[in-house]
Amino acid sequence: MKVFFFTPIQQNIHRYRELLWYAFLALWMQGEALLNILWAFLLITSFMQIKHGVRALSEYRWLSYSIMAYLGMRIVSISYAIAPYQALTAIIDDLRIFSIGIIAISLIRTQEQLAKSVLFSFIGFLFLGWHALEIQWSLIHGLATPANLNVEFGSLAHMNYAAAFSSIIIFTGIVAWFHFSHIKWKILIALLIIPLALMQIPLSSRTTMLISGAIIALFLIYKLPIIKAFVFISVCAGVVLFSLWQVPGGIKQFEEVKQPQSAPSVWIRVDVWKTLIHITESYPFGIGPRGFNSIDLNPYKIWMFENINRTLTHYYPQKEIEQQLQFTDMNHPHHLVTDPHSHYISIYAENGIIGLLLFLAWLGAMLMLAIQNLRHSDQHVRPFAEAMLGGLVIMAGCATMTALFYQSGGIITILLMAFLISSLRISHKDNTLAS
C-alpha cells in the first residue's frame, strides 16, 4: 500500500517540480510569506538537482570564483559581526538568493522551459504592477492612506526598491519587444510594461527614473536607426513629462536636481556615507552583515557634531545638541545610519574594503558574461545578454543611492544571470546535436 501510494509521486516528481518552479516565478514578488514558503518547497523538491546547477555554473570560472569568494567572506564575517543574529539572517538571505539561481540553472534545460520561465516572471510583475497602480491611484485621489505604501509592493518592500526593480522589468520588456516579430506578442508586452511605467511616475526615485531612462534611450539608439530612435525617445519622454505634470507634486520632485547641494535627500545621504566610512575605520573587516541598527553612535557624537552638523539639526533638537551635547543620545529619536542609502557603502561598512572588492568582482564577472554574448550567433541568446547587461547597469547605477542587491534585488539579479547561462547551455546543446 505504501509503495502503491508513493509510486505516482515518484514517477511525476519532475512534473511537480516544474510546476512549482513556474508558481515560484509568478508569485515570489507578491509577498515575503509566499517567497519563503515557495522557496522552501522548491529547495526540498529540487535538492538532488542542485549539483547539476553547481556543475553548470562552474563552467564559468571567473563568475563562480567571484560568487564563492563573496559568499565565503560574508559567511566568515558572522564570527566578528557586532550583531551575530542579524548577520546570520543576512547570510540565510544570501544563500537563498544564490540557491534560487542554481535551481534555475538546473531546472531550465530546454528552450520551452526557458520561455515559460520568462513568461511566468512577467506575469508576476504584471499582476504586481497593476495592483500597485491601483493603490497609487487611490492614494492620489485620497482614497488610500500612506500606510499602504509599503504594502502595495509585495516582497519588493519599499517604493524606491520597487521603482528600480520594475525599471529593470520594463527594460527587459523592451528588449523582448524588439525580439518578437508577431504583433500580438508586441501588444502583450506593451500591456505588461505600461502599468509598470506608470507606477514610476507618482512615487519613483528620481535617480531611478534618470538612470533607467538613460539606459533605455541608449538601448533604443543601439537597436534603431538614429532618426527612429530619436522619435521613439521623444514620444516616451513626452508621455513621461505629461504624466509628471498630471500627478500632484510630480514635477516638484525634480526641482532639487537643480541645486543638489541644498537638497536634504542629497546631503543627508552624503553625511550618512561619511559617518559609516568614519565608523568603519575602527572595523577593518566591517561591522558584519545587517549590523547598522546595532551601531552605538554615542562614541562618535563629537565627530558627528563637527562634521555632519547640518544632518544632526535635521533629526535632533538644535538647542539640545548645542547646549547639552554630552547628554544627547545619538541613537534616539533617530538612528542615523539605519539605512546606508547606498549598496556600495553598505557592503563597505559590513565587510570592509575586501568585501566591497569581492562584490564588485562578482558584479564585473556578470557584466563581462553579458557583454561577451551580445553578438552571440544564436538569436535566442542575444536578448538574454541584452537584458542582463541593461538590467545590471540599471541596478548598479541605482545602487549608488539605495541598497538594492539584497533580498528581492538579489533574486532579480540572480535570475537574469541564470536565464543567460541557461540560454547559453541550451544553445551549446542544440549546436552539439546539430553537428
Protein backbone atom coordinates (compact mmCIF):
# COMPACT_ATOMS: atom_id res chain seq x y z
CA MET A 1 0.00 0.00 0.00
CA LYS A 2 2.79 2.40 0.90
CA VAL A 3 4.68 1.65 -2.31
CA PHE A 4 1.50 1.99 -4.37
CA PHE A 5 0.80 5.42 -2.83
CA PHE A 6 4.25 6.89 -3.49
CA THR A 7 4.82 5.42 -6.96
CA PRO A 8 2.77 8.06 -8.89
CA ILE A 9 4.51 10.86 -6.97
CA GLN A 10 7.93 9.39 -7.68
CA GLN A 11 7.09 8.96 -11.35
CA ASN A 12 5.85 12.56 -11.71
CA ILE A 13 8.19 14.38 -9.33
CA HIS A 14 9.88 16.19 -12.21
CA ARG A 15 6.48 17.47 -13.35
CA TYR A 16 5.54 18.68 -9.85
CA ARG A 17 8.93 20.33 -9.55
CA GLU A 18 8.50 22.15 -12.85
CA LEU A 19 5.01 23.40 -11.90
CA LEU A 20 6.32 24.55 -8.53
CA TRP A 21 9.11 26.43 -10.29
CA TYR A 22 6.67 28.32 -12.51
CA ALA A 23 4.48 29.07 -9.49
CA PHE A 24 7.52 30.45 -7.68
CA LEU A 25 8.41 32.73 -10.60
CA ALA A 26 4.86 34.11 -10.78
CA LEU A 27 4.28 34.55 -7.04
CA TRP A 28 7.54 35.22 -5.19
CA MET A 29 7.30 39.00 -5.60
CA GLN A 30 3.73 39.12 -4.28
CA GLY A 31 4.76 38.91 -0.63
CA GLU A 32 7.51 37.82 1.76
CA ALA A 33 5.47 34.90 3.10
CA LEU A 34 4.86 33.48 -0.38
CA LEU A 35 8.53 33.92 -1.22
CA ASN A 36 9.71 31.94 1.81
CA ILE A 37 7.09 29.17 1.53
CA LEU A 38 7.63 28.60 -2.19
CA TRP A 39 11.41 28.74 -1.82
CA ALA A 40 11.29 26.11 0.96
CA PHE A 41 9.20 23.71 -1.14
CA LEU A 42 11.35 24.38 -4.19
CA LEU A 43 14.51 23.69 -2.23
CA ILE A 44 13.14 20.40 -0.87
CA THR A 45 11.90 19.10 -4.23
CA SER A 46 14.98 20.26 -6.17
CA PHE A 47 17.67 19.38 -3.65
CA MET A 48 19.04 16.49 -5.71
CA GLN A 49 19.19 18.70 -8.81
CA ILE A 50 21.36 21.39 -7.22
CA LYS A 51 24.57 19.54 -8.11
CA HIS A 52 23.72 19.89 -11.81
CA GLY A 53 23.29 23.64 -11.39
CA VAL A 54 26.57 23.93 -9.47
CA ARG A 55 28.36 21.96 -12.19
CA ALA A 56 26.90 24.20 -14.93
CA LEU A 57 27.84 27.38 -13.04
CA SER A 58 31.40 26.13 -12.51
CA GLU A 59 31.91 26.19 -16.29
CA TYR A 60 32.09 29.98 -15.98
CA ARG A 61 35.16 30.12 -13.78
CA TRP A 62 35.51 33.81 -13.03
CA LEU A 63 31.82 34.08 -12.27
CA SER A 64 31.76 31.03 -9.98
CA TYR A 65 35.02 32.05 -8.25
CA SER A 66 33.71 35.56 -7.56
CA ILE A 67 30.46 34.17 -6.13
CA MET A 68 32.28 31.71 -3.86
CA ALA A 69 34.74 34.36 -2.65
CA TYR A 70 31.99 36.90 -1.94
CA LEU A 71 29.77 34.37 -0.17
CA GLY A 72 32.74 33.00 1.77
CA MET A 73 33.63 36.48 3.01
CA ARG A 74 30.03 37.08 4.08
CA ILE A 75 29.85 33.77 5.96
CA VAL A 76 33.18 34.35 7.75
CA SER A 77 32.01 37.81 8.83
CA ILE A 78 29.44 36.20 11.17
CA SER A 79 32.32 35.35 13.51
CA TYR A 80 33.18 39.00 14.20
CA ALA A 81 29.84 40.74 13.48
CA ILE A 82 28.63 43.22 16.09
CA ALA A 83 25.14 41.74 15.66
CA PRO A 84 25.65 37.97 15.06
CA TYR A 85 21.94 37.09 14.88
CA GLN A 86 21.23 39.76 12.26
CA ALA A 87 24.36 38.68 10.37
CA LEU A 88 23.16 35.07 10.33
CA THR A 89 19.78 36.20 8.98
CA ALA A 90 21.54 38.13 6.23
CA ILE A 91 23.63 35.10 5.26
CA ILE A 92 20.49 32.95 5.04
CA ASP A 93 19.06 35.54 2.67
CA ASP A 94 22.27 35.47 0.61
CA LEU A 95 22.20 31.67 0.43
CA ARG A 96 18.53 31.81 -0.58
CA ILE A 97 19.39 34.17 -3.44
CA PHE A 98 22.19 32.03 -4.85
CA SER A 99 20.27 28.77 -4.32
CA ILE A 100 17.45 30.18 -6.46
CA GLY A 101 19.94 30.88 -9.24
CA ILE A 102 21.44 27.39 -9.05
CA ILE A 103 17.98 25.78 -9.01
CA ALA A 104 17.01 27.85 -12.06
CA ILE A 105 20.09 26.70 -13.98
CA SER A 106 19.44 23.06 -13.04
CA LEU A 107 15.74 23.10 -13.97
CA ILE A 108 15.82 25.10 -17.21
CA ARG A 109 17.13 22.67 -19.82
CA THR A 110 15.06 23.36 -22.95
CA GLN A 111 14.05 26.41 -24.96
CA GLU A 112 10.42 25.81 -23.99
CA GLN A 113 11.24 25.76 -20.27
CA LEU A 114 13.26 28.96 -20.64
CA ALA A 115 10.42 30.70 -22.48
CA LYS A 116 7.90 29.62 -19.83
CA SER A 117 10.20 30.79 -17.02
CA VAL A 118 10.44 34.25 -18.56
CA LEU A 119 6.69 34.32 -19.24
CA PHE A 120 5.70 33.45 -15.66
CA SER A 121 8.15 36.04 -14.30
CA PHE A 122 6.48 38.68 -16.45
CA ILE A 123 3.02 37.54 -15.36
CA GLY A 124 4.01 38.01 -11.72
CA PHE A 125 5.29 41.53 -12.27
CA LEU A 126 2.25 42.35 -14.42
CA PHE A 127 -0.09 41.48 -11.55
CA LEU A 128 2.02 43.40 -9.04
CA GLY A 129 2.28 46.39 -11.39
CA TRP A 130 -1.46 46.67 -11.86
CA HIS A 131 -2.05 46.22 -8.13
CA ALA A 132 0.47 48.93 -7.27
CA LEU A 133 -1.02 51.26 -9.86
CA GLU A 134 -4.50 50.76 -8.40
CA ILE A 135 -3.34 51.65 -4.87
CA GLN A 136 -1.33 54.65 -6.07
CA TRP A 137 -4.37 55.93 -7.97
CA SER A 138 -6.40 55.61 -4.77
CA LEU A 139 -3.67 57.41 -2.82
CA ILE A 140 -3.53 60.33 -5.25
CA HIS A 141 -7.29 60.77 -5.09
CA GLY A 142 -7.47 60.49 -1.30
CA LEU A 143 -8.98 57.00 -1.26
CA ALA A 144 -5.98 55.39 0.48
CA THR A 145 -3.53 56.39 3.19
CA PRO A 146 0.30 56.49 3.12
CA ALA A 147 0.25 53.44 5.39
CA ASN A 148 -0.49 51.41 2.25
CA LEU A 149 2.73 52.45 0.52
CA ASN A 150 4.88 49.58 1.70
CA VAL A 151 2.07 47.03 1.29
CA GLU A 152 1.48 47.62 -2.39
CA PHE A 153 4.93 46.44 -3.49
CA GLY A 154 4.75 42.85 -2.20
CA SER A 155 8.16 41.44 -1.34
CA LEU A 156 9.81 44.35 -3.17
CA ALA A 157 9.40 46.06 0.22
CA HIS A 158 9.80 49.78 -0.49
CA MET A 159 8.78 52.23 -3.19
CA ASN A 160 12.39 53.15 -4.09
CA TYR A 161 13.34 49.49 -4.37
CA ALA A 162 10.18 48.64 -6.32
CA ALA A 163 10.86 51.53 -8.71
CA ALA A 164 14.34 50.24 -9.52
CA PHE A 165 13.23 46.62 -9.86
CA SER A 166 10.25 47.47 -12.06
CA SER A 167 12.55 49.63 -14.23
CA ILE A 168 14.58 46.50 -14.91
CA ILE A 169 11.41 44.61 -15.86
CA ILE A 170 10.42 47.50 -18.16
CA PHE A 171 13.83 47.32 -19.82
CA THR A 172 13.64 43.55 -20.29
CA GLY A 173 10.15 44.00 -21.73
CA ILE A 174 11.51 46.48 -24.28
CA VAL A 175 14.27 44.01 -25.17
CA ALA A 176 11.65 41.28 -25.69
CA TRP A 177 9.52 43.68 -27.76
CA PHE A 178 12.36 44.04 -30.26
CA HIS A 179 12.95 40.30 -30.49
CA PHE A 180 9.33 39.31 -31.13
CA SER A 181 8.14 39.73 -34.71
CA HIS A 182 4.45 38.87 -34.25
CA ILE A 183 2.23 41.85 -33.47
CA LYS A 184 0.19 40.01 -30.81
CA TRP A 185 3.32 39.48 -28.69
CA LYS A 186 4.30 43.13 -29.09
CA ILE A 187 0.84 44.21 -27.89
CA LEU A 188 1.02 41.79 -24.95
CA ILE A 189 4.43 43.14 -23.89
CA ALA A 190 3.18 46.73 -24.19
CA LEU A 191 0.24 45.86 -21.91
CA LEU A 192 2.77 44.49 -19.41
CA ILE A 193 5.20 47.39 -19.25
CA ILE A 194 2.66 50.25 -19.40
CA PRO A 195 1.38 49.78 -15.81
CA LEU A 196 4.95 49.34 -14.56
CA ALA A 197 5.97 52.53 -16.37
CA LEU A 198 3.01 54.43 -14.94
CA MET A 199 3.93 53.11 -11.49
CA GLN A 200 7.18 55.06 -11.75
CA ILE A 201 5.52 58.46 -12.02
CA PRO A 202 3.87 59.25 -8.66
CA LEU A 203 6.32 57.71 -6.21
CA SER A 204 9.51 56.74 -8.03
CA SER A 205 13.04 57.73 -7.12
CA ARG A 206 14.45 60.49 -9.31
CA THR A 207 17.74 58.62 -9.53
CA THR A 208 15.92 55.53 -10.78
CA MET A 209 13.96 57.45 -13.39
CA LEU A 210 17.02 59.27 -14.72
CA ILE A 211 19.30 56.19 -14.82
CA SER A 212 16.74 53.80 -16.27
CA GLY A 213 15.61 56.43 -18.77
CA ALA A 214 19.20 56.93 -19.94
CA ILE A 215 19.81 53.16 -20.31
CA ILE A 216 16.57 52.67 -22.24
CA ALA A 217 17.44 55.60 -24.51
CA LEU A 218 20.91 54.16 -25.21
CA PHE A 219 19.36 50.77 -25.98
CA LEU A 220 16.92 52.33 -28.45
CA ILE A 221 19.82 54.09 -30.17
CA TYR A 222 21.66 50.76 -30.27
CA LYS A 223 18.69 48.90 -31.80
CA LEU A 224 17.14 51.51 -34.10
CA PRO A 225 18.30 53.90 -36.83
CA ILE A 226 19.11 57.25 -35.26
CA ILE A 227 16.01 59.06 -36.61
CA LYS A 228 13.60 56.36 -35.43
CA ALA A 229 15.37 56.20 -32.09
CA PHE A 230 15.08 59.97 -31.65
CA VAL A 231 11.35 59.90 -32.47
CA PHE A 232 10.74 56.95 -30.13
CA ILE A 233 12.66 58.59 -27.28
CA SER A 234 10.88 61.91 -27.82
CA VAL A 235 7.44 60.26 -27.68
CA CYS A 236 8.35 58.34 -24.49
CA ALA A 237 9.80 61.49 -22.89
CA GLY A 238 6.66 63.41 -23.80
CA VAL A 239 4.43 60.78 -22.18
CA VAL A 240 6.55 60.79 -19.02
CA LEU A 241 6.57 64.60 -18.75
CA PHE A 242 2.81 64.76 -19.36
CA SER A 243 2.26 62.15 -16.64
CA LEU A 244 4.52 64.03 -14.23
CA TRP A 245 2.59 67.21 -14.95
CA GLN A 246 -0.75 65.49 -14.26
CA VAL A 247 0.31 63.90 -10.97
CA PRO A 248 0.23 66.25 -7.94
CA GLY A 249 3.81 67.08 -6.98
CA GLY A 250 5.21 65.14 -9.94
CA ILE A 251 7.32 67.96 -11.40
CA LYS A 252 8.33 69.30 -7.97
CA GLN A 253 10.25 66.15 -7.15
CA PHE A 254 12.83 67.15 -9.77
CA GLU A 255 13.33 70.72 -8.51
CA GLU A 256 16.05 69.60 -6.08
CA VAL A 257 18.11 68.30 -9.01
CA LYS A 258 18.84 71.92 -9.98
CA GLN A 259 20.60 72.56 -6.63
CA PRO A 260 21.69 69.18 -5.21
CA GLN A 261 23.86 70.79 -2.54
CA SER A 262 20.74 72.27 -0.92
CA ALA A 263 18.61 69.13 -1.24
CA PRO A 264 18.09 67.21 2.03
CA SER A 265 17.85 63.90 0.16
CA VAL A 266 21.38 64.54 -1.17
CA TRP A 267 23.29 65.95 1.79
CA ILE A 268 21.69 63.56 4.29
CA ARG A 269 22.92 60.67 2.15
CA VAL A 270 26.40 62.17 1.91
CA ASP A 271 26.57 62.66 5.68
CA VAL A 272 25.38 59.08 6.31
CA TRP A 273 28.12 57.83 3.97
CA LYS A 274 30.75 59.95 5.74
CA THR A 275 29.61 58.64 9.10
CA LEU A 276 29.69 54.98 8.04
CA ILE A 277 33.12 55.37 6.45
CA HIS A 278 34.42 57.01 9.64
CA ILE A 279 32.93 54.27 11.85
CA THR A 280 34.34 51.53 9.61
CA GLU A 281 37.85 52.87 10.25
CA SER A 282 37.53 51.10 13.63
CA TYR A 283 36.44 47.85 11.91
CA PRO A 284 38.93 46.91 9.15
CA PHE A 285 36.78 43.93 8.05
CA GLY A 286 33.48 45.70 8.61
CA ILE A 287 30.78 45.52 11.26
CA GLY A 288 29.22 42.37 9.79
CA PRO A 289 26.01 41.99 7.75
CA ARG A 290 22.98 43.98 8.91
CA GLY A 291 24.77 45.47 11.88
CA PHE A 292 23.64 49.05 11.25
CA ASN A 293 20.91 49.14 13.91
CA SER A 294 23.40 47.82 16.48
CA ILE A 295 25.99 50.57 15.98
CA ASP A 296 26.29 52.76 19.06
CA LEU A 297 26.56 56.31 17.72
CA ASN A 298 27.23 57.96 21.08
CA PRO A 299 31.05 57.49 20.99
CA TYR A 300 31.02 59.42 17.69
CA LYS A 301 28.80 62.32 18.81
CA ILE A 302 31.62 64.92 18.88
CA TRP A 303 32.85 63.87 15.43
CA MET A 304 29.27 64.00 14.13
CA PHE A 305 28.68 67.43 15.66
CA GLU A 306 31.83 68.74 13.96
CA ASN A 307 31.41 67.06 10.56
CA ILE A 308 27.70 66.49 9.85
CA ASN A 309 26.03 69.19 11.88
CA ARG A 310 23.50 70.02 9.18
CA THR A 311 22.09 66.49 9.21
CA LEU A 312 22.06 66.38 13.02
CA THR A 313 19.94 69.51 13.19
CA HIS A 314 17.55 67.86 10.75
CA TYR A 315 16.89 64.93 13.10
CA TYR A 316 17.78 66.14 16.61
CA PRO A 317 16.73 69.25 18.57
CA GLN A 318 19.24 72.02 17.81
CA LYS A 319 19.18 73.52 21.31
CA GLU A 320 19.82 70.17 22.94
CA ILE A 321 22.74 69.40 20.64
CA GLU A 322 24.43 72.76 21.20
CA GLN A 323 23.92 73.13 24.96
CA GLN A 324 23.81 69.55 26.25
CA LEU A 325 25.81 67.53 23.74
CA GLN A 326 27.21 65.24 26.44
CA PHE A 327 23.68 64.22 27.47
CA THR A 328 22.28 63.75 23.96
CA ASP A 329 21.51 60.16 22.97
CA MET A 330 22.55 59.93 19.31
CA ASN A 331 20.68 56.63 18.92
CA HIS A 332 17.31 58.32 19.63
CA PRO A 333 14.95 59.67 18.44
CA HIS A 334 16.57 58.76 15.10
CA HIS A 335 19.31 56.23 14.42
CA LEU A 336 21.11 58.00 11.59
CA VAL A 337 22.80 55.03 9.91
CA THR A 338 19.96 52.50 9.96
CA ASP A 339 19.71 52.90 6.18
CA PRO A 340 23.11 53.30 4.45
CA HIS A 341 21.44 54.77 1.32
CA SER A 342 23.99 53.07 -0.97
CA HIS A 343 24.70 49.42 -1.61
CA TYR A 344 28.41 50.08 -2.08
CA ILE A 345 28.70 51.94 1.22
CA SER A 346 26.61 49.21 2.83
CA ILE A 347 28.96 46.44 1.66
CA TYR A 348 32.00 48.52 2.66
CA ALA A 349 30.60 49.05 6.16
CA GLU A 350 29.53 45.40 6.52
CA ASN A 351 32.63 43.67 5.12
CA GLY A 352 35.31 46.32 4.69
CA ILE A 353 37.27 47.10 1.53
CA ILE A 354 37.86 43.37 0.87
CA GLY A 355 34.13 42.66 0.87
CA LEU A 356 33.47 45.62 -1.43
CA LEU A 357 36.13 44.46 -3.91
CA LEU A 358 34.72 40.92 -3.91
CA PHE A 359 31.21 42.27 -4.54
CA LEU A 360 32.49 44.42 -7.42
CA ALA A 361 34.32 41.35 -8.81
CA TRP A 362 31.02 39.41 -8.87
CA LEU A 363 29.21 42.33 -10.50
CA GLY A 364 32.04 42.73 -13.03
CA ALA A 365 32.02 39.00 -13.87
CA MET A 366 28.27 39.14 -14.63
CA LEU A 367 28.70 42.26 -16.78
CA MET A 368 31.54 40.63 -18.74
CA LEU A 369 29.44 37.50 -19.32
CA ALA A 370 26.66 39.66 -20.76
CA ILE A 371 29.00 41.76 -22.93
CA GLN A 372 30.72 38.67 -24.34
CA ASN A 373 27.39 37.31 -25.58
CA LEU A 374 25.83 40.47 -27.05
CA ARG A 375 26.84 39.28 -30.52
CA HIS A 376 26.19 35.58 -29.94
CA SER A 377 25.43 33.63 -33.09
CA ASP A 378 22.28 32.15 -31.53
CA GLN A 379 19.40 34.62 -31.76
CA HIS A 380 17.87 33.13 -28.60
CA VAL A 381 20.93 34.07 -26.52
CA ARG A 382 21.26 37.73 -27.54
CA PRO A 383 18.08 39.01 -25.86
CA PHE A 384 19.13 37.47 -22.54
CA ALA A 385 22.58 39.07 -22.85
CA GLU A 386 20.99 42.45 -23.62
CA ALA A 387 18.50 42.13 -20.75
CA MET A 388 21.19 41.11 -18.29
CA LEU A 389 23.57 43.89 -19.31
CA GLY A 390 20.93 46.63 -19.22
CA GLY A 391 19.34 45.29 -16.04
CA LEU A 392 22.67 45.12 -14.22
CA VAL A 393 23.66 48.62 -15.31
CA ILE A 394 20.32 49.99 -14.05
CA MET A 395 20.74 48.09 -10.79
CA ALA A 396 24.36 49.16 -10.35
CA GLY A 397 23.52 52.79 -11.06
CA CYS A 398 20.53 52.91 -8.70
CA ALA A 399 22.58 51.09 -6.05
CA THR A 400 24.69 54.24 -5.62
CA MET A 401 21.72 55.81 -3.79
CA THR A 402 19.91 52.73 -2.38
CA ALA A 403 20.96 49.32 -1.04
CA LEU A 404 19.39 47.23 -3.82
CA PHE A 405 21.20 43.90 -4.19
CA TYR A 406 19.84 42.35 -1.00
CA GLN A 407 16.78 40.08 -0.88
CA SER A 408 14.43 40.85 -3.83
CA GLY A 409 17.08 42.78 -5.74
CA GLY A 410 19.45 39.86 -5.38
CA ILE A 411 16.78 37.44 -6.66
CA ILE A 412 16.15 39.57 -9.76
CA THR A 413 19.89 39.82 -10.40
CA ILE A 414 20.49 36.10 -9.99
CA LEU A 415 17.53 35.24 -12.24
CA LEU A 416 18.94 37.46 -15.01
CA MET A 417 22.23 35.59 -14.64
CA ALA A 418 20.55 32.16 -14.55
CA PHE A 419 18.42 32.87 -17.63
CA LEU A 420 21.50 33.90 -19.64
CA ILE A 421 23.52 30.87 -18.53
CA SER A 422 20.56 28.60 -19.31
CA SER A 423 20.21 30.09 -22.80
CA LEU A 424 23.95 29.52 -23.40
CA ARG A 425 23.71 25.89 -22.25
CA ILE A 426 20.65 25.23 -24.44
CA SER A 427 22.36 26.85 -27.43
CA HIS A 428 25.50 24.78 -26.90
CA LYS A 429 23.44 21.58 -26.58
CA ASP A 430 21.48 22.34 -29.76
CA ASN A 431 24.66 23.10 -31.69
CA THR A 432 26.24 19.86 -30.45
CA LEU A 433 23.22 17.81 -31.55
CA ALA A 434 23.15 19.58 -34.92
CA SER A 435 26.79 18.78 -35.58
